[in-house]
């Protein structure tokens, strides 16, 4: 989370989203664009974590039915 706030583009690159990281870097290099880039990176990280939780829940429900 700290990386997503301080260096948003590295947050994307570390998760394997290189093209998104480059676009985020271009946005981040402007002073005004840094805040939206940080918000974008944090929201993306939270969405990825939520998707992982949902997949785990779905897997647990399916295993419970067997």
C-alpha atoms as a PDB file:
ATOM      1  CA  UNK A   1       0.000   0.000   0.000  1.00  0.00           C
ATOM      2  CA  UNK A   2       2.875   2.374   0.846  1.00  0.00           C
ATOM      3  CA  UNK A   3       4.394   1.799  -2.579  1.00  0.00           C
ATOM      4  CA  UNK A   4       1.060   2.539  -4.263  1.00  0.00           C
ATOM      5  CA  UNK A   5       0.900   5.908  -2.515  1.00  0.00           C
ATOM      6  CA  UNK A   6       4.531   6.997  -2.790  1.00  0.00           C
ATOM      7  CA  UNK A   7       5.454   5.565  -6.211  1.00  0.00           C
ATOM      8  CA  UNK A   8       2.214   4.562  -7.929  1.00  0.00           C
ATOM      9  CA  UNK A   9       3.831   3.458 -11.178  1.00  0.00           C
ATOM     10  CA  UNK A  10       6.068   0.965  -9.346  1.00  0.00           C
ATOM     11  CA  UNK A  11       3.007  -0.550  -7.724  1.00  0.00           C
ATOM     12  CA  UNK A  12       1.648  -1.444 -11.159  1.00  0.00           C
ATOM     13  CA  UNK A  13       4.989  -2.681 -12.481  1.00  0.00           C
ATOM     14  CA  UNK A  14       5.553  -4.855  -9.392  1.00  0.00           C
ATOM     15  CA  UNK A  15       2.201  -6.547 -10.058  1.00  0.00           C
ATOM     16  CA  UNK A  16       3.144  -7.254 -13.686  1.00  0.00           C
ATOM     17  CA  UNK A  17       1.111  -4.472 -15.300  1.00  0.00           C
ATOM     18  CA  UNK A  18       3.970  -2.811 -17.186  1.00  0.00           C
ATOM     19  CA  UNK A  19       1.931  -0.833 -19.743  1.00  0.00           C
ATOM     20  CA  UNK A  20      -0.371   0.485 -17.020  1.00  0.00           C
ATOM     21  CA  UNK A  21       2.717   1.378 -14.984  1.00  0.00           C
ATOM     22  CA  UNK A  22       4.145   3.391 -17.878  1.00  0.00           C
ATOM     23  CA  UNK A  23       0.872   5.267 -18.349  1.00  0.00           C
ATOM     24  CA  UNK A  24       0.737   5.908 -14.615  1.00  0.00           C
ATOM     25  CA  UNK A  25       4.341   7.162 -14.671  1.00  0.00           C
ATOM     26  CA  UNK A  26       3.503   9.642 -17.426  1.00  0.00           C
ATOM     27  CA  UNK A  27       0.614  10.887 -15.305  1.00  0.00           C
ATOM     28  CA  UNK A  28       2.733  10.926 -12.161  1.00  0.00           C
ATOM     29  CA  UNK A  29       5.580  13.060 -13.532  1.00  0.00           C
ATOM     30  CA  UNK A  30       3.345  16.108 -13.418  1.00  0.00           C
ATOM     31  CA  UNK A  31       2.794  17.587  -9.978  1.00  0.00           C
ATOM     32  CA  UNK A  32      -0.966  17.755 -10.474  1.00  0.00           C
ATOM     33  CA  UNK A  33      -1.101  14.227 -11.896  1.00  0.00           C
ATOM     34  CA  UNK A  34       0.671  12.599  -8.953  1.00  0.00           C
ATOM     35  CA  UNK A  35      -2.421  12.601  -6.717  1.00  0.00           C
ATOM     36  CA  UNK A  36      -4.722  10.983  -9.320  1.00  0.00           C
ATOM     37  CA  UNK A  37      -1.968   8.454 -10.096  1.00  0.00           C
ATOM     38  CA  UNK A  38      -1.681   7.551  -6.404  1.00  0.00           C
ATOM     39  CA  UNK A  39      -5.454   7.231  -6.037  1.00  0.00           C
ATOM     40  CA  UNK A  40      -5.583   5.074  -9.176  1.00  0.00           C
ATOM     41  CA  UNK A  41      -2.839   2.772  -7.877  1.00  0.00           C
ATOM     42  CA  UNK A  42      -4.475   2.378  -4.442  1.00  0.00           C
ATOM     43  CA  UNK A  43      -7.886   1.664  -5.967  1.00  0.00           C
ATOM     44  CA  UNK A  44      -6.368  -0.851  -8.379  1.00  0.00           C
ATOM     45  CA  UNK A  45      -4.575  -2.605  -5.520  1.00  0.00           C
ATOM     46  CA  UNK A  46      -7.767  -2.738  -3.444  1.00  0.00           C
ATOM     47  CA  UNK A  47      -9.750  -4.102  -6.414  1.00  0.00           C
ATOM     48  CA  UNK A  48      -7.141  -6.793  -6.999  1.00  0.00           C
ATOM     49  CA  UNK A  49      -7.271  -7.818  -3.339  1.00  0.00           C
ATOM     50  CA  UNK A  50     -11.086  -7.872  -3.417  1.00  0.00           C
ATOM     51  CA  UNK A  51     -11.058 -10.061  -6.531  1.00  0.00           C
ATOM     52  CA  UNK A  52      -8.679 -12.493  -4.813  1.00  0.00           C
ATOM     53  CA  UNK A  53     -10.948 -12.641  -1.744  1.00  0.00           C
ATOM     54  CA  UNK A  54     -13.983 -13.275  -3.951  1.00  0.00           C
ATOM     55  CA  UNK A  55     -12.201 -16.056  -5.819  1.00  0.00           C
ATOM     56  CA  UNK A  56     -11.228 -17.653  -2.499  1.00  0.00           C
ATOM     57  CA  UNK A  57     -14.836 -17.448  -1.268  1.00  0.00           C
ATOM     58  CA  UNK A  58     -16.197 -18.942  -4.477  1.00  0.00           C
ATOM     59  CA  UNK A  59     -13.651 -21.751  -4.289  1.00  0.00           C
ATOM     60  CA  UNK A  60     -14.589 -22.438  -0.640  1.00  0.00           C
ATOM     61  CA  UNK A  61     -18.309 -22.543  -1.466  1.00  0.00           C
ATOM     62  CA  UNK A  62     -17.733 -24.909  -4.378  1.00  0.00           C
ATOM     63  CA  UNK A  63     -15.590 -27.196  -2.227  1.00  0.00           C
ATOM     64  CA  UNK A  64     -18.234 -27.171   0.486  1.00  0.00           C
ATOM     65  CA  UNK A  65     -20.875 -28.435  -1.930  1.00  0.00           C
ATOM     66  CA  UNK A  66     -18.851 -31.491  -2.948  1.00  0.00           C
END
